[in-house]
């Protein structure tokens, strides 16, 4: 069988929490399009999900409300950012169809079935579980069960459970964890779970319905033997079966009781001493009985109090959610008002804007006429080539950091940003930056790079404008020299509408497209694009840019003192780097999450101002 990620869903067990929020999910089985479970071997699992049969999902516990040891089903996709040796699949980012899988179950020990009765006090769990669940024994499935407030196993239906024969095809078992695939089918037995104390309490309740003075009733011909069964007519079938079992047990108990009744009467009438002893013994049993009931009532009260606390906690959570929603609503309302203000501003400045664009149109038309009248093809960019001059290859992040700090110092950029620049560049292909000299310093620090500096022009309306003005040249060069780092440094990207001329490139970054227009190839692994924007608020020189447009892009230099330069010049390292250096990361999951959170804060800084 071939694994088709579009056709099949995956069933997995959440095994580990990594880096505070990421999850390692062990693959157990597959689900077909009609939700039929497909059991596969461990060798097949490892071949479908290399290298170890796991799926890795960053930020899982932050985005989803599940915990370790939960069984889940979900859709997957290839993880394009996986390095060699990493898990090759992750949850589908567009539609994961993530759900809890199956029904809770747990291995129980000590189960015994005597005729149609059992004693749940003998049971013990072979693992940890909460809520309602089914019990798994050597031969049977029993349930449903729950754990009460004092840690004992009890049925969810009062004093009765169902019993089914064990069906291996309906059970998932992995790492000492059980899960039922579907609800057990019909054909179950009903077992009575009452112990002797509960049985006689149940019996007394029924006797009181027949005749209040039940002690007298027992002294007169045992009418209960014929009257009690009539009461079952109004009871549902399951309860009827359980009650019949209990009545049979009562008969057996009273058969023993009848043997001693006459003898006890005879002894108490013939011996005053025995009568006193017998009376005292009865009083002692009554006292013990009261003690037992008091304890049970306290336990019941404790359970009710716990339920009350749980409800109060849920109410508190709902209040917090309401406050959060109210805050979001206020923010959206403020955003709408701000948008209205901007629209009103555009309306009030409509004449000036039209006049400005009219002037720009005339200038552009004249420029195009001049170019068309000239038969000389003019490039608006220069491909700069940095040679390594026989230097040694960098073998550590610290060695490269030293060279990058030197280049930042030369360009009047704070050298303390070197570590952050490397980390963000390792994780993102397109990076918004406050100063283009950040990208320039990085390119020169490699001592082995090709780069283009290109300003965006107001007449860029189509992707071909970006492609023919530097992107196509650097893209092609990156494919021709895969070991050489390549950089495209774009200035003032909002001089024209980014969503127009840059759309195919943004689609690739967002996973919508795989190959670029014109080039017909994926994003080169050895290409990084740095971009600056010109003010669009105060003063309003460039066109507005929107946070959603740069959803999967990095950001650098918008927080902290970018231009605070210490009075030192670090010695240059005679080293160079290859493009693969930026794919090694030198970071664990926690550091990667920290960098991504930092980029989010940088983006907030951009679009707050």
Protein backbone atom coordinates (compact mmCIF):
# COMPACT_ATOMS: atom_id res chain seq x y z
CA UNK A 1 0.00 0.00 0.00
CA UNK A 2 1.23 3.49 -0.88
CA UNK A 3 0.68 6.27 1.67
CA UNK A 4 -1.28 9.20 0.20
CA UNK A 5 -1.37 12.21 2.55
CA UNK A 6 -4.40 13.61 0.68
CA UNK A 7 -6.37 10.36 1.04
CA UNK A 8 -5.51 9.08 4.51
CA UNK A 9 -5.65 10.52 8.01
CA UNK A 10 -3.16 9.45 10.67
CA UNK A 11 -3.92 8.02 14.12
CA UNK A 12 -1.22 8.85 16.68
CA UNK A 13 -0.30 8.94 20.37
CA UNK A 14 1.11 12.22 21.75
CA UNK A 15 4.44 11.05 23.22
CA UNK A 16 6.48 14.08 24.28
CA UNK A 17 6.39 17.81 24.82
CA UNK A 18 9.48 19.48 23.32
CA UNK A 19 10.76 23.00 23.88
CA UNK A 20 7.75 24.08 25.94
CA UNK A 21 5.08 23.84 23.23
CA UNK A 22 6.12 21.46 20.40
CA UNK A 23 4.89 17.85 20.24
CA UNK A 24 6.34 14.50 19.15
CA UNK A 25 3.46 12.28 17.95
CA UNK A 26 3.93 8.50 17.51
CA UNK A 27 2.08 7.10 14.48
CA UNK A 28 -0.12 4.05 15.31
CA UNK A 29 -2.42 3.47 12.33
CA UNK A 30 -4.18 5.10 9.35
CA UNK A 31 -7.80 6.11 8.70
CA UNK A 32 -9.33 5.70 5.24
CA UNK A 33 -11.60 8.29 3.62
CA UNK A 34 -14.66 6.55 5.16
CA UNK A 35 -12.96 6.55 8.63
CA UNK A 36 -12.13 2.83 8.53
CA UNK A 37 -9.10 1.95 10.68
CA UNK A 38 -6.13 0.48 8.77
CA UNK A 39 -3.62 -1.38 10.97
CA UNK A 40 -0.04 -1.25 9.63
CA UNK A 41 3.22 -2.78 10.87
CA UNK A 42 6.01 -0.87 12.61
CA UNK A 43 8.23 -1.31 9.53
CA UNK A 44 5.50 0.21 7.33
CA UNK A 45 5.02 3.08 9.78
CA UNK A 46 8.75 3.89 9.72
CA UNK A 47 8.83 3.73 5.92
CA UNK A 48 5.81 6.05 5.57
CA UNK A 49 6.99 8.44 8.32
CA UNK A 50 10.80 8.43 8.33
CA UNK A 51 13.05 8.19 10.13
CA UNK A 52 11.38 6.74 13.29
CA UNK A 53 7.64 6.68 12.63
CA UNK A 54 6.86 10.02 14.26
CA UNK A 55 5.23 13.34 13.30
CA UNK A 56 6.70 16.58 14.71
CA UNK A 57 4.48 19.65 15.18
CA UNK A 58 5.98 22.95 16.42
CA UNK A 59 3.79 25.01 18.79
CA UNK A 60 1.30 22.11 19.16
CA UNK A 61 0.44 22.62 22.84
CA UNK A 62 0.14 26.37 22.27
CA UNK A 63 -2.33 25.94 19.39
CA UNK A 64 -4.34 22.87 20.53
CA UNK A 65 -5.94 21.76 23.81
CA UNK A 66 -4.45 18.26 24.09
CA UNK A 67 -1.95 16.63 26.45
CA UNK A 68 0.70 13.88 26.47
CA UNK A 69 -0.75 10.30 26.12
CA UNK A 70 -3.87 11.51 24.25
CA UNK A 71 -4.92 9.55 21.12
CA UNK A 72 -5.63 11.85 18.13
CA UNK A 73 -6.39 11.64 14.40
CA UNK A 74 -5.21 14.26 11.89
CA UNK A 75 -4.12 15.07 8.33
CA UNK A 76 -0.41 15.56 7.56
CA UNK A 77 1.85 17.24 5.03
CA UNK A 78 5.55 17.24 4.22
CA UNK A 79 7.68 19.48 6.45
CA UNK A 80 9.71 21.48 3.95
CA UNK A 81 11.92 22.87 6.72
CA UNK A 82 12.95 19.46 8.09
CA UNK A 83 16.68 18.85 8.17
CA UNK A 84 18.38 15.49 7.62
CA UNK A 85 17.42 13.13 10.43
CA UNK A 86 14.31 15.18 11.40
CA UNK A 87 10.74 13.89 11.21
CA UNK A 88 9.61 14.47 7.63
CA UNK A 89 5.90 15.10 8.35
CA UNK A 90 3.96 17.68 10.34
CA UNK A 91 0.25 18.48 10.76
CA UNK A 92 -1.42 19.88 7.65
CA UNK A 93 -1.17 23.66 8.08
CA UNK A 94 -4.29 24.41 6.02
CA UNK A 95 -6.70 21.73 7.30
CA UNK A 96 -5.34 19.33 9.92
CA UNK A 97 -8.83 17.88 10.73
CA UNK A 98 -7.47 17.28 14.25
CA UNK A 99 -9.76 15.24 16.56
CA UNK A 100 -9.55 13.04 19.63
CA UNK A 101 -9.57 9.40 18.48
CA UNK A 102 -11.58 6.51 19.87
CA UNK A 103 -12.95 5.85 23.36
CA UNK A 104 -10.98 5.88 26.60
CA UNK A 105 -10.00 2.45 27.95
CA UNK A 106 -7.68 1.09 30.64
CA UNK A 107 -6.41 -2.31 31.74
CA UNK A 108 -8.07 -3.47 35.02
CA UNK A 109 -6.80 -6.22 37.29
CA UNK A 110 -8.71 -8.44 39.74
CA UNK A 111 -11.94 -8.84 37.73
CA UNK A 112 -14.05 -11.88 38.66
CA UNK A 113 -17.49 -12.85 37.29
CA UNK A 114 -19.68 -15.06 39.47
CA UNK A 115 -22.83 -15.98 37.57
CA UNK A 116 -24.25 -12.52 36.73
CA UNK A 117 -22.53 -10.58 39.54
CA UNK A 118 -19.13 -9.03 40.19
CA UNK A 119 -17.42 -7.07 42.95
CA UNK A 120 -15.85 -3.83 41.69
CA UNK A 121 -14.07 -3.33 45.03
CA UNK A 122 -11.61 -6.04 43.89
CA UNK A 123 -10.59 -4.08 40.78
CA UNK A 124 -7.41 -2.02 40.40
CA UNK A 125 -6.17 0.10 37.48
CA UNK A 126 -3.00 -0.79 35.55
CA UNK A 127 -2.52 2.85 34.53
CA UNK A 128 -3.72 6.43 34.99
CA UNK A 129 -7.02 7.57 33.52
CA UNK A 130 -9.73 10.17 34.16
CA UNK A 131 -13.35 10.68 33.17
CA UNK A 132 -15.48 7.75 31.99
CA UNK A 133 -13.79 4.72 30.41
CA UNK A 134 -14.05 1.05 29.51
CA UNK A 135 -12.14 -1.64 31.43
CA UNK A 136 -10.03 -4.22 29.56
CA UNK A 137 -9.51 -7.69 31.13
CA UNK A 138 -7.98 -10.91 29.78
CA UNK A 139 -11.32 -12.04 28.31
CA UNK A 140 -13.77 -9.15 28.46
CA UNK A 141 -14.52 -5.49 27.94
CA UNK A 142 -16.53 -4.01 30.84
CA UNK A 143 -18.09 -0.61 31.33
CA UNK A 144 -18.65 2.10 31.42
CA UNK A 145 -16.66 2.93 34.55
CA UNK A 146 -15.41 6.02 36.40
CA UNK A 147 -13.18 6.92 39.35
CA UNK A 148 -15.04 8.47 42.30
CA UNK A 149 -13.72 11.25 44.56
CA UNK A 150 -11.95 8.78 46.89
CA UNK A 151 -10.19 6.92 44.09
CA UNK A 152 -12.44 3.85 43.81
CA UNK A 153 -13.75 2.31 40.58
CA UNK A 154 -17.52 2.45 40.17
CA UNK A 155 -20.02 2.13 37.29
CA UNK A 156 -21.49 5.22 35.64
CA UNK A 157 -24.91 3.49 35.84
CA UNK A 158 -25.96 2.83 39.42
CA UNK A 159 -24.55 -0.54 40.53
CA UNK A 160 -24.58 -2.29 37.15
CA UNK A 161 -22.20 -2.69 34.20
CA UNK A 162 -22.19 -4.24 30.71
CA UNK A 163 -19.84 -7.07 29.77
CA UNK A 164 -18.71 -7.88 26.20
CA UNK A 165 -16.36 -10.57 24.90
CA UNK A 166 -12.91 -9.21 24.08
CA UNK A 167 -12.64 -8.02 20.45
CA UNK A 168 -8.98 -7.45 19.48
CA UNK A 169 -10.01 -5.76 16.22
CA UNK A 170 -11.76 -3.02 18.19
CA UNK A 171 -8.79 -2.28 20.49
CA UNK A 172 -5.68 -0.19 19.91
CA UNK A 173 -2.77 -1.02 22.23
CA UNK A 174 0.50 0.90 22.19
CA UNK A 175 3.08 1.60 24.94
CA UNK A 176 0.79 0.14 27.64
CA UNK A 177 -2.04 2.46 26.54
CA UNK A 178 -5.48 1.20 25.38
CA UNK A 179 -8.13 2.77 23.15
CA UNK A 180 -11.41 1.38 21.80
CA UNK A 181 -11.88 2.15 18.11
CA UNK A 182 -15.71 2.11 18.32
CA UNK A 183 -18.44 1.62 20.92
CA UNK A 184 -18.81 -2.12 21.75
CA UNK A 185 -21.60 -3.73 19.74
CA UNK A 186 -24.81 -5.33 21.01
CA UNK A 187 -24.78 -8.73 22.68
CA UNK A 188 -23.59 -7.70 26.12
CA UNK A 189 -24.42 -9.20 29.52
CA UNK A 190 -25.57 -7.06 32.44
CA UNK A 191 -23.72 -7.69 35.70
CA UNK A 192 -24.93 -6.65 39.15
CA UNK A 193 -22.17 -4.78 41.06
CA UNK A 194 -23.79 -4.41 44.51
CA UNK A 195 -21.90 -5.66 47.56
CA UNK A 196 -23.88 -7.24 50.46
CA UNK A 197 -24.46 -3.93 52.25
CA UNK A 198 -25.75 -2.26 49.10
CA UNK A 199 -27.88 -5.32 48.28
CA UNK A 200 -29.76 -5.26 51.60
CA UNK A 201 -30.22 -1.47 51.37
CA UNK A 202 -31.76 -1.96 47.96
CA UNK A 203 -33.95 -4.74 49.37
CA UNK A 204 -35.21 -2.63 52.28
CA UNK A 205 -36.19 0.16 49.86
CA UNK A 206 -38.38 -2.19 47.90
CA UNK A 207 -39.93 -3.72 51.05
CA UNK A 208 -40.94 -0.26 52.30
CA UNK A 209 -42.80 0.34 49.05
CA UNK A 210 -44.82 -2.86 49.67
CA UNK A 211 -45.53 -2.35 53.37
CA UNK A 212 -43.92 0.19 55.72
CA UNK A 213 -43.68 -2.21 58.64
CA UNK A 214 -41.24 -4.51 56.81
CA UNK A 215 -40.03 -6.30 60.01
CA UNK A 216 -43.55 -7.45 60.68
CA UNK A 217 -43.90 -8.45 57.06
CA UNK A 218 -40.93 -10.81 57.36
CA UNK A 219 -42.59 -12.46 60.39
CA UNK A 220 -45.73 -13.29 58.41
CA UNK A 221 -45.29 -15.76 55.59
CA UNK A 222 -42.74 -13.81 53.52
CA UNK A 223 -45.18 -12.01 51.16
CA UNK A 224 -42.19 -10.27 49.57
CA UNK A 225 -41.40 -13.39 47.51
CA UNK A 226 -44.48 -12.80 45.30
CA UNK A 227 -45.04 -9.05 45.62
CA UNK A 228 -41.58 -7.76 44.71
CA UNK A 229 -41.36 -9.19 41.15
CA UNK A 230 -44.56 -7.24 40.23
CA UNK A 231 -42.66 -3.97 40.72
CA UNK A 232 -40.30 -4.73 37.84
CA UNK A 233 -42.96 -4.15 35.17
CA UNK A 234 -42.30 -0.38 35.06
CA UNK A 235 -38.48 -0.73 34.97
CA UNK A 236 -36.34 -0.66 31.84
CA UNK A 237 -34.92 -3.97 30.64
CA UNK A 238 -31.35 -3.47 31.81
CA UNK A 239 -32.45 -2.45 35.31
CA UNK A 240 -34.98 -5.32 35.36
CA UNK A 241 -32.26 -7.88 34.62
CA UNK A 242 -30.00 -6.46 37.34
CA UNK A 243 -32.87 -6.37 39.88
CA UNK A 244 -33.80 -10.00 39.19
CA UNK A 245 -30.23 -10.99 39.95
CA UNK A 246 -30.32 -9.06 43.22
CA UNK A 247 -33.65 -10.66 44.27
CA UNK A 248 -32.15 -14.08 43.72
CA UNK A 249 -29.25 -13.14 45.96
CA UNK A 250 -31.68 -11.83 48.63
CA UNK A 251 -33.54 -15.15 48.57
CA UNK A 252 -30.26 -16.99 49.15
CA UNK A 253 -29.40 -14.72 52.10
CA UNK A 254 -32.83 -15.14 53.72
CA UNK A 255 -32.75 -18.90 53.21
CA UNK A 256 -29.79 -18.87 55.59
CA UNK A 257 -31.58 -16.39 57.87
CA UNK A 258 -34.71 -18.61 58.18
CA UNK A 259 -32.56 -21.50 59.53
CA UNK A 260 -31.62 -19.49 62.63
CA UNK A 261 -34.82 -17.47 63.28
CA UNK A 262 -36.74 -20.06 65.34
CA UNK A 263 -33.63 -21.05 67.28
CA UNK A 264 -32.90 -17.40 68.20
CA UNK A 265 -36.51 -16.89 69.43
CA UNK A 266 -36.31 -20.08 71.50
CA UNK A 267 -32.98 -19.10 73.08
CA UNK A 268 -34.07 -15.54 73.97
CA UNK A 269 -37.29 -16.84 75.62
CA UNK A 270 -35.43 -19.51 77.60
CA UNK A 271 -32.44 -17.48 78.82
CA UNK A 272 -32.57 -13.96 80.22
CA UNK A 273 -28.78 -13.73 79.99
CA UNK A 274 -28.72 -14.66 76.33
CA UNK A 275 -31.51 -12.17 75.69
CA UNK A 276 -29.40 -9.37 77.23
CA UNK A 277 -26.34 -10.40 75.25
CA UNK A 278 -28.34 -10.64 72.05
CA UNK A 279 -29.99 -7.22 72.65
CA UNK A 280 -26.61 -5.64 73.41
CA UNK A 281 -25.16 -7.17 70.25
CA UNK A 282 -28.03 -5.77 68.17
CA UNK A 283 -27.50 -2.30 69.64
CA UNK A 284 -23.78 -2.53 68.79
CA UNK A 285 -24.58 -3.49 65.19
CA UNK A 286 -27.07 -0.59 64.96
CA UNK A 287 -24.35 1.80 66.17
CA UNK A 288 -21.81 0.40 63.67
CA UNK A 289 -24.42 0.70 60.93
CA UNK A 290 -25.01 4.35 61.77
CA UNK A 291 -21.24 4.99 61.72
CA UNK A 292 -20.97 3.48 58.25
CA UNK A 293 -23.84 5.59 56.91
CA UNK A 294 -22.36 8.74 58.43
CA UNK A 295 -19.06 8.04 56.65
CA UNK A 296 -20.83 7.46 53.33
CA UNK A 297 -22.80 10.68 53.70
CA UNK A 298 -19.57 12.59 54.37
CA UNK A 299 -17.99 11.02 51.29
CA UNK A 300 -21.03 11.98 49.23
CA UNK A 301 -20.90 15.54 50.60
CA UNK A 302 -17.18 15.74 49.72
CA UNK A 303 -17.94 14.60 46.17
CA UNK A 304 -20.73 17.21 45.81
CA UNK A 305 -18.41 19.95 47.11
CA UNK A 306 -15.75 18.93 44.60
CA UNK A 307 -18.30 19.07 41.76
CA UNK A 308 -19.34 22.53 42.99
CA UNK A 309 -15.72 23.71 42.94
CA UNK A 310 -15.28 22.33 39.41
CA UNK A 311 -18.40 24.19 38.25
CA UNK A 312 -17.16 27.41 39.83
CA UNK A 313 -13.83 26.93 38.05
CA UNK A 314 -15.61 26.44 34.72
CA UNK A 315 -17.69 29.57 35.34
CA UNK A 316 -14.49 31.50 36.09
CA UNK A 317 -12.94 30.25 32.82
CA UNK A 318 -16.05 31.32 30.90
CA UNK A 319 -15.88 34.79 32.46
CA UNK A 320 -12.22 35.08 31.41
CA UNK A 321 -13.09 33.98 27.87
CA UNK A 322 -15.89 36.58 27.77
CA UNK A 323 -13.49 39.30 28.90
CA UNK A 324 -11.01 38.22 26.24
CA UNK A 325 -13.71 38.27 23.54
CA UNK A 326 -14.85 41.70 24.74
CA UNK A 327 -11.28 42.96 24.47
CA UNK A 328 -10.98 41.56 20.93
CA UNK A 329 -14.28 43.20 20.01
CA UNK A 330 -13.07 46.55 21.34
CA UNK A 331 -9.83 46.22 19.37
CA UNK A 332 -11.76 45.38 16.20
CA UNK A 333 -14.08 48.33 16.80
CA UNK A 334 -11.08 50.63 17.23
CA UNK A 335 -9.56 49.19 14.05
CA UNK A 336 -12.78 49.86 12.14
CA UNK A 337 -12.86 53.44 13.44
CA UNK A 338 -9.21 53.92 12.46
CA UNK A 339 -9.94 52.57 8.97
CA UNK A 340 -12.87 54.95 8.67
CA UNK A 341 -10.59 57.85 9.63
CA UNK A 342 -8.07 56.82 6.96
CA UNK A 343 -10.82 56.55 4.36
CA UNK A 344 -12.10 59.98 5.31
CA UNK A 345 -8.55 61.30 5.03
CA UNK A 346 -8.23 59.78 1.56
CA UNK A 347 -11.55 61.33 0.55
CA UNK A 348 -10.52 64.75 1.85
CA UNK A 349 -7.17 64.52 -0.02
CA UNK A 350 -8.62 62.93 -3.15
CA UNK A 351 -7.82 65.90 -5.38
CA UNK A 352 -4.20 66.11 -4.20
CA UNK A 353 -3.64 62.35 -4.63
CA UNK A 354 -5.06 62.40 -8.17
CA UNK A 355 -2.86 65.36 -9.02
CA UNK A 356 0.23 63.60 -7.56
CA UNK A 357 -0.43 60.47 -9.58
CA UNK A 358 -1.02 62.52 -12.69
CA UNK A 359 2.43 64.08 -12.30
CA UNK A 360 4.01 60.65 -11.66
CA UNK A 361 2.23 59.25 -14.72
CA UNK A 362 3.65 62.01 -16.93
CA UNK A 363 7.15 61.47 -15.55
CA UNK A 364 6.94 57.69 -16.07
CA UNK A 365 5.60 58.09 -19.57
CA UNK A 366 8.44 60.42 -20.48
CA UNK A 367 10.96 58.01 -18.96
CA UNK A 368 9.55 55.11 -20.96
CA UNK A 369 9.57 57.13 -24.15
CA UNK A 370 13.23 58.00 -23.59
CA UNK A 371 14.13 54.35 -23.05
CA UNK A 372 12.08 53.14 -26.04
CA UNK A 373 13.70 55.76 -28.24
CA UNK A 374 17.08 54.41 -27.22
CA UNK A 375 18.05 50.99 -28.58
CA UNK A 376 20.31 50.38 -25.57
CA UNK A 377 19.06 47.92 -22.91
CA UNK A 378 19.85 49.36 -19.49
CA UNK A 379 19.89 47.29 -16.28
CA UNK A 380 18.76 49.09 -13.13
CA UNK A 381 21.03 46.99 -10.93
CA UNK A 382 24.57 45.66 -10.55
CA UNK A 383 25.47 42.11 -9.46
CA UNK A 384 28.19 42.49 -6.83
CA UNK A 385 30.52 39.49 -6.42
CA UNK A 386 32.50 38.89 -3.20
CA UNK A 387 35.37 36.36 -3.62
CA UNK A 388 36.70 34.28 -0.74
CA UNK A 389 40.37 34.88 -1.74
CA UNK A 390 41.49 31.45 -0.58
CA UNK A 391 40.22 31.90 3.00
CA UNK A 392 39.44 28.96 5.29
CA UNK A 393 35.80 27.86 5.64
CA UNK A 394 34.04 28.91 8.87
CA UNK A 395 33.54 26.02 11.28
CA UNK A 396 31.63 27.67 14.16
CA UNK A 397 28.96 30.28 14.77
CA UNK A 398 31.31 32.27 17.03
CA UNK A 399 33.88 32.55 14.24
CA UNK A 400 31.25 33.90 11.81
CA UNK A 401 29.77 36.14 14.51
CA UNK A 402 33.15 37.89 14.91
CA UNK A 403 33.34 38.69 11.19
CA UNK A 404 29.70 39.87 11.11
CA UNK A 405 30.29 42.18 14.09
CA UNK A 406 33.23 43.75 12.23
CA UNK A 407 31.11 44.40 9.11
CA UNK A 408 28.25 45.84 11.20
CA UNK A 409 30.74 48.16 12.94
CA UNK A 410 32.02 49.37 9.56
CA UNK A 411 28.44 50.15 8.48
CA UNK A 412 27.64 52.05 11.72
CA UNK A 413 25.29 49.28 12.94
CA UNK A 414 25.37 48.02 16.53
CA UNK A 415 27.60 44.85 16.48
CA UNK A 416 25.55 43.39 19.36
CA UNK A 417 22.85 42.54 16.79
CA UNK A 418 25.13 39.96 15.09
CA UNK A 419 23.79 36.86 16.91
CA UNK A 420 20.14 37.83 16.30
CA UNK A 421 20.82 38.62 12.61
CA UNK A 422 22.27 35.15 12.05
CA UNK A 423 19.37 33.39 13.84
CA UNK A 424 16.61 35.26 11.99
CA UNK A 425 18.37 34.78 8.63
CA UNK A 426 18.63 31.03 9.31
CA UNK A 427 14.85 30.71 9.84
CA UNK A 428 13.37 33.12 7.25
CA UNK A 429 13.88 33.62 3.48
CA UNK A 430 12.42 37.16 3.34
CA UNK A 431 13.25 39.64 6.10
CA UNK A 432 11.91 43.15 6.69
CA UNK A 433 14.70 45.32 8.10
CA UNK A 434 14.98 48.85 9.38
CA UNK A 435 18.29 49.50 7.55
CA UNK A 436 19.48 47.87 4.32
CA UNK A 437 23.02 47.92 5.73
CA UNK A 438 22.07 44.94 7.91
CA UNK A 439 21.71 42.76 4.80
CA UNK A 440 24.79 44.34 3.23
CA UNK A 441 26.89 43.61 6.35
CA UNK A 442 25.70 39.99 6.34
CA UNK A 443 26.59 39.54 2.66
CA UNK A 444 30.09 40.96 3.15
CA UNK A 445 30.67 38.92 6.31
CA UNK A 446 30.36 35.72 4.27
CA UNK A 447 33.43 36.67 2.17
CA UNK A 448 31.77 34.50 -0.47
CA UNK A 449 28.57 36.01 -1.85
CA UNK A 450 26.73 37.61 -4.72
CA UNK A 451 24.26 40.38 -4.04
CA UNK A 452 22.13 43.01 -5.75
CA UNK A 453 20.93 46.29 -4.26
CA UNK A 454 17.75 47.45 -5.98
CA UNK A 455 15.32 50.23 -5.19
CA UNK A 456 11.62 49.68 -5.97
CA UNK A 457 10.19 52.12 -8.51
CA UNK A 458 6.64 53.61 -8.44
CA UNK A 459 5.80 52.09 -11.83
CA UNK A 460 6.23 48.47 -10.67
CA UNK A 461 2.75 47.06 -11.21
CA UNK A 462 3.43 43.45 -12.25
CA UNK A 463 5.65 40.63 -11.03
CA UNK A 464 7.68 40.90 -14.22
CA UNK A 465 8.87 44.31 -12.97
CA UNK A 466 10.44 42.68 -9.92
CA UNK A 467 11.72 39.69 -11.90
CA UNK A 468 13.39 41.77 -14.61
CA UNK A 469 14.87 44.24 -12.13
CA UNK A 470 17.12 41.94 -10.15
CA UNK A 471 15.11 39.00 -8.78
CA UNK A 472 15.42 36.91 -11.95
CA UNK A 473 19.18 37.53 -12.21
CA UNK A 474 19.94 36.64 -8.57
CA UNK A 475 17.52 33.68 -8.69
CA UNK A 476 19.25 32.17 -11.73
CA UNK A 477 22.70 32.82 -10.25
CA UNK A 478 21.68 31.10 -6.99
CA UNK A 479 20.79 27.95 -8.92
CA UNK A 480 24.01 28.09 -10.95
CA UNK A 481 26.20 28.50 -7.80
CA UNK A 482 24.44 26.49 -5.03
CA UNK A 483 27.38 26.76 -2.56
CA UNK A 484 27.49 30.58 -2.78
CA UNK A 485 25.18 32.66 -0.57
CA UNK A 486 23.03 35.12 -2.60
CA UNK A 487 21.29 38.24 -1.35
CA UNK A 488 18.71 40.57 -2.89
CA UNK A 489 18.56 43.89 -1.00
CA UNK A 490 15.33 45.73 -1.87
CA UNK A 491 14.91 49.37 -0.78
CA UNK A 492 11.60 51.21 -0.33
CA UNK A 493 9.39 48.24 -1.19
CA UNK A 494 6.21 50.26 -0.66
CA UNK A 495 6.96 52.84 -3.35
CA UNK A 496 4.58 50.58 -5.31
CA UNK A 497 1.92 48.10 -4.13
CA UNK A 498 3.76 45.08 -2.66
CA UNK A 499 0.66 42.89 -3.11
CA UNK A 500 0.83 43.48 -6.89
CA UNK A 501 4.45 43.18 -8.01
CA UNK A 502 5.52 40.71 -5.27
CA UNK A 503 2.51 38.36 -5.10
CA UNK A 504 4.08 35.16 -6.62
CA UNK A 505 7.10 35.50 -4.28
CA UNK A 506 4.85 35.95 -1.22
CA UNK A 507 2.77 32.96 -2.34
CA UNK A 508 5.88 30.75 -2.25
CA UNK A 509 6.80 31.93 1.26
CA UNK A 510 3.22 31.25 2.41
CA UNK A 511 3.20 27.74 0.90
CA UNK A 512 0.56 28.57 -1.73
CA UNK A 513 2.88 28.11 -4.73
CA UNK A 514 5.88 25.82 -5.09
CA UNK A 515 7.54 27.16 -8.27
CA UNK A 516 8.12 30.83 -9.08
CA UNK A 517 6.64 32.43 -12.21
CA UNK A 518 9.15 32.89 -15.05
CA UNK A 519 11.82 30.82 -13.29
CA UNK A 520 9.63 27.69 -12.92
CA UNK A 521 11.72 26.58 -9.90
CA UNK A 522 11.30 26.58 -6.08
CA UNK A 523 12.80 29.24 -3.81
CA UNK A 524 16.62 28.71 -3.85
CA UNK A 525 17.99 27.49 -0.51
CA UNK A 526 20.99 29.83 -0.88
CA UNK A 527 18.98 33.05 -1.45
CA UNK A 528 17.97 35.56 1.23
CA UNK A 529 15.95 38.73 0.54
CA UNK A 530 16.24 41.79 2.78
CA UNK A 531 13.74 44.62 2.33
CA UNK A 532 13.24 48.12 3.75
CA UNK A 533 10.13 50.26 3.54
CA UNK A 534 9.64 54.00 3.38
CA UNK A 535 7.39 55.85 5.84
CA UNK A 536 3.67 55.47 5.12
CA UNK A 537 2.27 57.18 8.23
CA UNK A 538 3.94 60.45 9.18
CA UNK A 539 5.10 61.59 6.72
CA UNK A 540 3.01 59.55 4.27
CA UNK A 541 5.58 59.07 1.47
CA UNK A 542 5.10 55.42 0.55
CA UNK A 543 1.97 53.31 0.12
CA UNK A 544 0.52 51.58 3.21
CA UNK A 545 1.78 48.06 4.01
CA UNK A 546 -0.18 45.44 5.93
CA UNK A 547 0.88 42.90 8.54
CA UNK A 548 -1.00 40.06 6.84
CA UNK A 549 1.11 40.52 3.69
CA UNK A 550 4.31 39.60 5.60
CA UNK A 551 2.82 36.75 7.65
CA UNK A 552 5.69 34.30 7.13
CA UNK A 553 8.52 36.82 6.83
CA UNK A 554 11.18 37.74 9.37
CA UNK A 555 11.85 41.19 10.84
CA UNK A 556 15.03 42.83 12.21
CA UNK A 557 16.16 46.10 13.75
CA UNK A 558 12.88 47.68 14.78
CA UNK A 559 13.47 47.14 18.52
CA UNK A 560 16.49 48.17 20.55
CA UNK A 561 19.21 50.71 19.69
CA UNK A 562 20.28 49.68 16.18
CA UNK A 563 22.81 52.51 15.80
CA UNK A 564 24.58 52.35 19.19
CA UNK A 565 28.16 51.51 18.13
CA UNK A 566 30.79 50.65 20.80
CA UNK A 567 34.25 52.20 20.51
CA UNK A 568 35.93 49.00 19.39
CA UNK A 569 36.87 47.42 16.08
CA UNK A 570 37.05 43.65 16.09
CA UNK A 571 39.82 41.93 14.18
CA UNK A 572 38.64 40.40 10.93
CA UNK A 573 38.65 36.62 10.53
CA UNK A 574 40.14 35.37 7.22
CA UNK A 575 37.27 32.94 6.70
CA UNK A 576 34.33 32.42 4.37
CA UNK A 577 30.99 30.57 4.58
CA UNK A 578 29.04 28.40 2.17
CA UNK A 579 25.28 28.71 1.75
CA UNK A 580 24.66 25.53 3.79
CA UNK A 581 25.95 27.40 6.86
CA UNK A 582 22.63 29.25 7.12
CA UNK A 583 20.65 25.98 7.10
CA UNK A 584 22.36 24.44 10.14
CA UNK A 585 20.54 26.71 12.62
CA UNK A 586 22.80 25.88 15.61
CA UNK A 587 19.57 26.18 17.64
CA UNK A 588 17.31 23.84 19.63
CA UNK A 589 13.49 23.94 19.57
CA UNK A 590 13.36 26.36 22.50
CA UNK A 591 15.71 28.84 20.80
CA UNK A 592 13.77 28.60 17.53
CA UNK A 593 10.51 29.35 19.35
CA UNK A 594 12.21 32.28 21.10
CA UNK A 595 13.39 33.74 17.76
CA UNK A 596 9.91 33.39 16.22
CA UNK A 597 8.36 35.17 19.23
CA UNK A 598 10.94 37.95 18.81
CA UNK A 599 10.02 38.36 15.13
CA UNK A 600 6.34 38.65 16.13
CA UNK A 601 7.25 41.49 18.49
CA UNK A 602 9.30 43.18 15.73
CA UNK A 603 6.26 42.99 13.40
CA UNK A 604 4.05 44.46 16.12
CA UNK A 605 6.54 47.34 16.42
CA UNK A 606 6.31 48.03 12.67
CA UNK A 607 2.54 48.02 12.43
CA UNK A 608 1.96 49.78 15.75
CA UNK A 609 3.75 52.84 14.43
